[in-house]
Amino acid sequence: MPSLLTGVVVDVAAHLGDPDPIRSIVAKVLQEFRRTHGETWEETKEAFTREQWDEVDGLLIAPSYYA
Protein backbone atom coordinates (compact mmCIF):
# COMPACT_ATOMS: atom_id res chain seq x y z
CA MET A 1 0.00 0.00 0.00
CA PRO A 2 1.48 3.38 -0.96
CA SER A 3 2.46 5.63 1.95
CA LEU A 4 0.34 8.38 0.40
CA LEU A 5 -2.77 6.28 1.02
CA THR A 6 -2.04 5.85 4.72
CA GLY A 7 -1.98 9.63 5.12
CA VAL A 8 -5.30 9.89 3.29
CA VAL A 9 -6.88 7.31 5.60
CA VAL A 10 -5.68 9.26 8.65
CA ASP A 11 -6.93 12.55 7.20
CA VAL A 12 -10.33 11.05 6.37
CA ALA A 13 -10.63 9.46 9.82
CA ALA A 14 -10.10 12.87 11.41
CA HIS A 15 -13.54 13.85 10.10
CA LEU A 16 -15.51 11.24 12.03
CA GLY A 17 -16.47 13.93 14.52
CA ASP A 18 -17.96 16.16 11.84
CA PRO A 19 -21.73 16.52 11.54
CA ASP A 20 -23.75 14.42 9.11
CA PRO A 21 -23.62 13.81 6.20
CA ILE A 22 -19.82 14.04 6.44
CA ARG A 23 -19.60 11.71 9.46
CA SER A 24 -21.71 8.99 7.85
CA ILE A 25 -19.77 9.22 4.57
CA VAL A 26 -16.45 8.98 6.42
CA ALA A 27 -17.71 5.96 8.38
CA LYS A 28 -18.72 4.24 5.12
CA VAL A 29 -15.35 5.04 3.53
CA LEU A 30 -13.47 3.55 6.50
CA GLN A 31 -15.70 0.46 6.54
CA GLU A 32 -15.11 -0.05 2.84
CA PHE A 33 -11.35 0.42 3.28
CA ARG A 34 -11.36 -2.25 6.00
CA ARG A 35 -13.46 -4.59 3.87
CA THR A 36 -11.33 -4.24 0.75
CA HIS A 37 -8.06 -4.64 2.65
CA GLY A 38 -9.22 -7.44 4.96
CA GLU A 39 -7.33 -10.23 3.23
CA THR A 40 -4.04 -8.36 3.52
CA TRP A 41 -4.73 -6.61 6.83
CA GLU A 42 -1.37 -7.39 8.46
CA GLU A 43 0.52 -5.97 5.48
CA THR A 44 -1.83 -2.98 5.38
CA LYS A 45 -1.24 -2.32 9.08
CA GLU A 46 2.52 -2.37 8.54
CA ALA A 47 2.23 0.39 5.92
CA PHE A 48 1.14 2.85 8.63
CA THR A 49 3.60 4.54 10.93
CA ARG A 50 3.09 3.91 14.65
CA GLU A 51 1.58 7.40 15.08
CA GLN A 52 -0.77 6.95 12.11
CA TRP A 53 -1.90 3.55 13.35
CA ASP A 54 -2.57 4.95 16.83
CA GLU A 55 -4.88 7.54 15.22
CA VAL A 56 -6.93 5.05 13.20
CA ASP A 57 -6.76 1.89 15.32
CA GLY A 58 -10.27 1.06 16.46
CA LEU A 59 -11.83 3.25 13.78
CA LEU A 60 -11.25 0.57 11.18
CA ILE A 61 -13.09 -2.15 13.07
CA ALA A 62 -16.28 -3.31 11.40
CA PRO A 63 -19.33 -2.41 13.49
CA SER A 64 -21.08 -5.16 15.44
CA TYR A 65 -24.80 -5.46 15.51
CA TYR A 66 -26.56 -7.12 18.40
CA ALA A 67 -30.01 -8.66 18.00
PDB file of N, CA and C in Angstrom:
ATOM      1  N   MET A   1       0.845  -1.166   0.000  1.00  0.00           N
ATOM      2  CA  MET A   1       0.000   0.000   0.000  1.00  0.00           C
ATOM      3  C   MET A   1       0.896   1.236   0.000  1.00  0.00           C
ATOM      4  N   PRO A   2       0.643   2.176  -0.890  1.00  0.00           N
ATOM      5  CA  PRO A   2       1.475   3.382  -0.956  1.00  0.00           C
ATOM      6  C   PRO A   2       1.363   4.220   0.324  1.00  0.00           C
ATOM      7  N   SER A   3       2.462   4.818   0.729  1.00  0.00           N
ATOM      8  CA  SER A   3       2.456   5.628   1.949  1.00  0.00           C
ATOM      9  C   SER A   3       1.507   6.817   1.823  1.00  0.00           C
ATOM     10  N   LEU A   4       1.293   7.292   0.624  1.00  0.00           N
ATOM     11  CA  LEU A   4       0.342   8.379   0.405  1.00  0.00           C
ATOM     12  C   LEU A   4      -1.052   7.986   0.882  1.00  0.00           C
ATOM     13  N   LEU A   5      -1.436   6.747   0.651  1.00  0.00           N
ATOM     14  CA  LEU A   5      -2.766   6.280   1.025  1.00  0.00           C
ATOM     15  C   LEU A   5      -2.942   6.232   2.540  1.00  0.00           C
ATOM     16  N   THR A   6      -1.906   5.889   3.266  1.00  0.00           N
ATOM     17  CA  THR A   6      -2.037   5.853   4.721  1.00  0.00           C
ATOM     18  C   THR A   6      -2.349   7.248   5.265  1.00  0.00           C
ATOM     19  N   GLY A   7      -1.695   8.256   4.708  1.00  0.00           N
ATOM     20  CA  GLY A   7      -1.981   9.630   5.124  1.00  0.00           C
ATOM     21  C   GLY A   7      -3.401  10.044   4.806  1.00  0.00           C
ATOM     22  N   VAL A   8      -3.918   9.583   3.680  1.00  0.00           N
ATOM     23  CA  VAL A   8      -5.296   9.886   3.290  1.00  0.00           C
ATOM     24  C   VAL A   8      -6.268   9.242   4.278  1.00  0.00           C
ATOM     25  N   VAL A   9      -6.016   7.998   4.643  1.00  0.00           N
ATOM     26  CA  VAL A   9      -6.883   7.306   5.601  1.00  0.00           C
ATOM     27  C   VAL A   9      -6.910   8.062   6.928  1.00  0.00           C
ATOM     28  N   VAL A  10      -5.757   8.504   7.403  1.00  0.00           N
ATOM     29  CA  VAL A  10      -5.679   9.258   8.650  1.00  0.00           C
ATOM     30  C   VAL A  10      -6.431  10.580   8.520  1.00  0.00           C
ATOM     31  N   ASP A  11      -6.247  11.270   7.418  1.00  0.00           N
ATOM     32  CA  ASP A  11      -6.933  12.545   7.200  1.00  0.00           C
ATOM     33  C   ASP A  11      -8.446  12.361   7.136  1.00  0.00           C
ATOM     34  N   VAL A  12      -8.892  11.324   6.450  1.00  0.00           N
ATOM     35  CA  VAL A  12     -10.332  11.054   6.366  1.00  0.00           C
ATOM     36  C   VAL A  12     -10.880  10.711   7.750  1.00  0.00           C
ATOM     37  N   ALA A  13     -10.174   9.879   8.492  1.00  0.00           N
ATOM     38  CA  ALA A  13     -10.629   9.463   9.825  1.00  0.00           C
ATOM     39  C   ALA A  13     -10.788  10.655  10.770  1.00  0.00           C
ATOM     40  N   ALA A  14     -10.022  11.686  10.554  1.00  0.00           N
ATOM     41  CA  ALA A  14     -10.103  12.868  11.410  1.00  0.00           C
ATOM     42  C   ALA A  14     -11.460  13.556  11.309  1.00  0.00           C
ATOM     43  N   HIS A  15     -12.243  13.217  10.302  1.00  0.00           N
ATOM     44  CA  HIS A  15     -13.541  13.854  10.096  1.00  0.00           C
ATOM     45  C   HIS A  15     -14.713  13.046  10.645  1.00  0.00           C
ATOM     46  N   LEU A  16     -14.428  12.017  11.428  1.00  0.00           N
ATOM     47  CA  LEU A  16     -15.509  11.235  12.030  1.00  0.00           C
ATOM     48  C   LEU A  16     -16.318  12.046  13.038  1.00  0.00           C
ATOM     49  N   GLY A  17     -15.752  13.089  13.575  1.00  0.00           N
ATOM     50  CA  GLY A  17     -16.465  13.929  14.522  1.00  0.00           C
ATOM     51  C   GLY A  17     -17.278  15.036  13.877  1.00  0.00           C
ATOM     52  N   ASP A  18     -17.206  15.139  12.564  1.00  0.00           N
ATOM     53  CA  ASP A  18     -17.963  16.164  11.836  1.00  0.00           C
ATOM     54  C   ASP A  18     -19.451  15.814  11.841  1.00  0.00           C
ATOM     55  N   PRO A  19     -20.297  16.810  11.601  1.00  0.00           N
ATOM     56  CA  PRO A  19     -21.733  16.524  11.535  1.00  0.00           C
ATOM     57  C   PRO A  19     -22.083  15.730  10.280  1.00  0.00           C
ATOM     58  N   ASP A  20     -23.250  15.099  10.308  1.00  0.00           N
ATOM     59  CA  ASP A  20     -23.749  14.417   9.115  1.00  0.00           C
ATOM     60  C   ASP A  20     -24.029  15.430   8.033  1.00  0.00           C
ATOM     61  N   PRO A  21     -23.863  15.116   6.796  1.00  0.00           N
ATOM     62  CA  PRO A  21     -23.619  13.808   6.203  1.00  0.00           C
ATOM     63  C   PRO A  21     -22.143  13.429   6.130  1.00  0.00           C
ATOM     64  N   ILE A  22     -21.253  14.329   6.532  1.00  0.00           N
ATOM     65  CA  ILE A  22     -19.819  14.040   6.444  1.00  0.00           C
ATOM     66  C   ILE A  22     -19.461  12.835   7.304  1.00  0.00           C
ATOM     67  N   ARG A  23     -19.923  12.808   8.552  1.00  0.00           N
ATOM     68  CA  ARG A  23     -19.598  11.709   9.460  1.00  0.00           C
ATOM     69  C   ARG A  23     -20.021  10.365   8.887  1.00  0.00           C
ATOM     70  N   SER A  24     -21.229  10.278   8.366  1.00  0.00           N
ATOM     71  CA  SER A  24     -21.712   8.995   7.847  1.00  0.00           C
ATOM     72  C   SER A  24     -20.942   8.580   6.586  1.00  0.00           C
ATOM     73  N   ILE A  25     -20.569   9.533   5.765  1.00  0.00           N
ATOM     74  CA  ILE A  25     -19.772   9.224   4.573  1.00  0.00           C
ATOM     75  C   ILE A  25     -18.384   8.733   4.977  1.00  0.00           C
ATOM     76  N   VAL A  26     -17.772   9.394   5.944  1.00  0.00           N
ATOM     77  CA  VAL A  26     -16.448   8.980   6.425  1.00  0.00           C
ATOM     78  C   VAL A  26     -16.522   7.572   7.018  1.00  0.00           C
ATOM     79  N   ALA A  27     -17.559   7.294   7.790  1.00  0.00           N
ATOM     80  CA  ALA A  27     -17.713   5.958   8.376  1.00  0.00           C
ATOM     81  C   ALA A  27     -17.825   4.903   7.281  1.00  0.00           C
ATOM     82  N   LYS A  28     -18.579   5.181   6.235  1.00  0.00           N
ATOM     83  CA  LYS A  28     -18.716   4.240   5.119  1.00  0.00           C
ATOM     84  C   LYS A  28     -17.389   4.049   4.394  1.00  0.00           C
ATOM     85  N   VAL A  29     -16.653   5.131   4.199  1.00  0.00           N
ATOM     86  CA  VAL A  29     -15.347   5.039   3.529  1.00  0.00           C
ATOM     87  C   VAL A  29     -14.399   4.151   4.340  1.00  0.00           C
ATOM     88  N   LEU A  30     -14.359   4.350   5.656  1.00  0.00           N
ATOM     89  CA  LEU A  30     -13.469   3.552   6.504  1.00  0.00           C
ATOM     90  C   LEU A  30     -13.903   2.090   6.545  1.00  0.00           C
ATOM     91  N   GLN A  31     -15.199   1.837   6.575  1.00  0.00           N
ATOM     92  CA  GLN A  31     -15.696   0.458   6.543  1.00  0.00           C
ATOM     93  C   GLN A  31     -15.317  -0.218   5.231  1.00  0.00           C
ATOM     94  N   GLU A  32     -15.452   0.512   4.143  1.00  0.00           N
ATOM     95  CA  GLU A  32     -15.105  -0.045   2.836  1.00  0.00           C
ATOM     96  C   GLU A  32     -13.599  -0.298   2.730  1.00  0.00           C
ATOM     97  N   PHE A  33     -12.803   0.608   3.273  1.00  0.00           N
ATOM     98  CA  PHE A  33     -11.352   0.417   3.285  1.00  0.00           C
ATOM     99  C   PHE A  33     -11.009  -0.863   4.041  1.00  0.00           C
ATOM    100  N   ARG A  34     -11.620  -1.056   5.188  1.00  0.00           N
ATOM    101  CA  ARG A  34     -11.355  -2.254   5.996  1.00  0.00           C
ATOM    102  C   ARG A  34     -11.800  -3.507   5.244  1.00  0.00           C
ATOM    103  N   ARG A  35     -12.951  -3.432   4.598  1.00  0.00           N
ATOM    104  CA  ARG A  35     -13.463  -4.593   3.869  1.00  0.00           C
ATOM    105  C   ARG A  35     -12.557  -4.959   2.697  1.00  0.00           C
ATOM    106  N   THR A  36     -12.131  -3.964   1.940  1.00  0.00           N
ATOM    107  CA  THR A  36     -11.332  -4.243   0.746  1.00  0.00           C
ATOM    108  C   THR A  36      -9.890  -4.616   1.065  1.00  0.00           C
ATOM    109  N   HIS A  37      -9.427  -4.303   2.264  1.00  0.00           N
ATOM    110  CA  HIS A  37      -8.055  -4.639   2.647  1.00  0.00           C
ATOM    111  C   HIS A  37      -8.010  -5.765   3.680  1.00  0.00           C
ATOM    112  N   GLY A  38      -9.130  -6.401   3.934  1.00  0.00           N
ATOM    113  CA  GLY A  38      -9.220  -7.435   4.959  1.00  0.00           C
ATOM    114  C   GLY A  38      -8.303  -8.621   4.755  1.00  0.00           C
ATOM    115  N   GLU A  39      -8.157  -9.055   3.511  1.00  0.00           N
ATOM    116  CA  GLU A  39      -7.330 -10.228   3.233  1.00  0.00           C
ATOM    117  C   GLU A  39      -5.850  -9.954   3.446  1.00  0.00           C
ATOM    118  N   THR A  40      -5.448  -8.719   3.357  1.00  0.00           N
ATOM    119  CA  THR A  40      -4.043  -8.356   3.521  1.00  0.00           C
ATOM    120  C   THR A  40      -3.873  -7.403   4.701  1.00  0.00           C
ATOM    121  N   TRP A  41      -4.690  -7.581   5.743  1.00  0.00           N
ATOM    122  CA  TRP A  41      -4.733  -6.611   6.830  1.00  0.00           C
ATOM    123  C   TRP A  41      -3.393  -6.448   7.541  1.00  0.00           C
ATOM    124  N   GLU A  42      -2.670  -7.510   7.772  1.00  0.00           N
ATOM    125  CA  GLU A  42      -1.374  -7.393   8.464  1.00  0.00           C
ATOM    126  C   GLU A  42      -0.390  -6.565   7.640  1.00  0.00           C
ATOM    127  N   GLU A  43      -0.356  -6.765   6.324  1.00  0.00           N
ATOM    128  CA  GLU A  43       0.518  -5.975   5.476  1.00  0.00           C
ATOM    129  C   GLU A  43       0.047  -4.522   5.418  1.00  0.00           C
ATOM    130  N   THR A  44      -1.264  -4.331   5.392  1.00  0.00           N
ATOM    131  CA  THR A  44      -1.825  -2.984   5.377  1.00  0.00           C
ATOM    132  C   THR A  44      -1.450  -2.249   6.656  1.00  0.00           C
ATOM    133  N   LYS A  45      -1.579  -2.922   7.782  1.00  0.00           N
ATOM    134  CA  LYS A  45      -1.242  -2.325   9.081  1.00  0.00           C
ATOM    135  C   LYS A  45       0.216  -1.893   9.117  1.00  0.00           C
ATOM    136  N   GLU A  46       1.096  -2.692   8.544  1.00  0.00           N
ATOM    137  CA  GLU A  46       2.523  -2.371   8.543  1.00  0.00           C
ATOM    138  C   GLU A  46       2.865  -1.157   7.695  1.00  0.00           C
ATOM    139  N   ALA A  47       1.974  -0.778   6.777  1.00  0.00           N
ATOM    140  CA  ALA A  47       2.226   0.386   5.924  1.00  0.00           C
ATOM    141  C   ALA A  47       2.073   1.697   6.697  1.00  0.00           C
ATOM    142  N   PHE A  48       1.341   1.663   7.809  1.00  0.00           N
ATOM    143  CA  PHE A  48       1.140   2.854   8.634  1.00  0.00           C
ATOM    144  C   PHE A  48       2.319   3.043   9.581  1.00  0.00           C
ATOM    145  N   THR A  49       2.629   4.293   9.876  1.00  0.00           N
ATOM    146  CA  THR A  49       3.604   4.545  10.932  1.00  0.00           C
ATOM    147  C   THR A  49       2.914   4.265  12.268  1.00  0.00           C
ATOM    148  N   ARG A  50       3.675   4.163  13.321  1.00  0.00           N
ATOM    149  CA  ARG A  50       3.094   3.912  14.651  1.00  0.00           C
ATOM    150  C   ARG A  50       2.094   5.010  15.022  1.00  0.00           C
ATOM    151  N   GLU A  51       2.443   6.263  14.748  1.00  0.00           N
ATOM    152  CA  GLU A  51       1.577   7.398  15.079  1.00  0.00           C
ATOM    153  C   GLU A  51       0.288   7.355  14.256  1.00  0.00           C
ATOM    154  N   GLN A  52       0.412   7.044  12.970  1.00  0.00           N
ATOM    155  CA  GLN A  52      -0.770   6.951  12.113  1.00  0.00           C
ATOM    156  C   GLN A  52      -1.688   5.830  12.593  1.00  0.00           C
ATOM    157  N   TRP A  53      -1.085   4.686  12.915  1.00  0.00           N
ATOM    158  CA  TRP A  53      -1.895   3.551  13.349  1.00  0.00           C
ATOM    159  C   TRP A  53      -2.615   3.864  14.662  1.00  0.00           C
ATOM    160  N   ASP A  54      -1.943   4.563  15.568  1.00  0.00           N
ATOM    161  CA  ASP A  54      -2.574   4.952  16.831  1.00  0.00           C
ATOM    162  C   ASP A  54      -3.799   5.834  16.588  1.00  0.00           C
ATOM    163  N   GLU A  55      -3.765   6.647  15.539  1.00  0.00           N
ATOM    164  CA  GLU A  55      -4.881   7.536  15.225  1.00  0.00           C
ATOM    165  C   GLU A  55      -6.072   6.791  14.628  1.00  0.00           C
ATOM    166  N   VAL A  56      -5.827   5.731  13.875  1.00  0.00           N
ATOM    167  CA  VAL A  56      -6.927   5.050  13.195  1.00  0.00           C
ATOM    168  C   VAL A  56      -7.291   3.702  13.811  1.00  0.00           C
ATOM    169  N   ASP A  57      -6.469   3.174  14.695  1.00  0.00           N
ATOM    170  CA  ASP A  57      -6.756   1.886  15.321  1.00  0.00           C
ATOM    171  C   ASP A  57      -8.092   1.986  16.058  1.00  0.00           C
ATOM    172  N   GLY A  58      -8.950   1.041  15.849  1.00  0.00           N
ATOM    173  CA  GLY A  58     -10.270   1.063  16.456  1.00  0.00           C
ATOM    174  C   GLY A  58     -11.308   1.701  15.561  1.00  0.00           C
ATOM    175  N   LEU A  59     -10.893   2.629  14.713  1.00  0.00           N
ATOM    176  CA  LEU A  59     -11.830   3.248  13.777  1.00  0.00           C
ATOM    177  C   LEU A  59     -12.080   2.345  12.580  1.00  0.00           C
ATOM    178  N   LEU A  60     -11.151   1.429  12.348  1.00  0.00           N
ATOM    179  CA  LEU A  60     -11.246   0.572  11.177  1.00  0.00           C
ATOM    180  C   LEU A  60     -11.862  -0.782  11.495  1.00  0.00           C
ATOM    181  N   ILE A  61     -12.437  -0.905  12.678  1.00  0.00           N
ATOM    182  CA  ILE A  61     -13.090  -2.148  13.070  1.00  0.00           C
ATOM    183  C   ILE A  61     -14.513  -2.127  12.532  1.00  0.00           C
ATOM    184  N   ALA A  62     -14.908  -3.218  11.913  1.00  0.00           N
ATOM    185  CA  ALA A  62     -16.277  -3.315  11.399  1.00  0.00           C
ATOM    186  C   ALA A  62     -17.251  -3.256  12.564  1.00  0.00           C
ATOM    187  N   PRO A  63     -18.360  -2.518  12.400  1.00  0.00           N
ATOM    188  CA  PRO A  63     -19.329  -2.412  13.487  1.00  0.00           C
ATOM    189  C   PRO A  63     -19.997  -3.746  13.784  1.00  0.00           C
ATOM    190  N   SER A  64     -20.362  -3.945  15.035  1.00  0.00           N
ATOM    191  CA  SER A  64     -21.080  -5.161  15.441  1.00  0.00           C
ATOM    192  C   SER A  64     -22.539  -4.790  15.676  1.00  0.00           C
ATOM    193  N   TYR A  65     -23.383  -5.683  15.303  1.00  0.00           N
ATOM    194  CA  TYR A  65     -24.801  -5.461  15.514  1.00  0.00           C
ATOM    195  C   TYR A  65     -25.321  -6.560  16.436  1.00  0.00           C
ATOM    196  N   TYR A  66     -26.031  -6.164  17.447  1.00  0.00           N
ATOM    197  CA  TYR A  66     -26.565  -7.117  18.402  1.00  0.00           C
ATOM    198  C   TYR A  66     -28.066  -7.217  18.213  1.00  0.00           C
ATOM    199  N   ALA A  67     -28.561  -8.455  18.170  1.00  0.00           N
ATOM    200  CA  ALA A  67     -30.009  -8.660  17.999  1.00  0.00           C
ATOM    201  C   ALA A  67     -30.664  -8.895  19.343  1.00  0.00           C
TER     202      ALA A  67
END
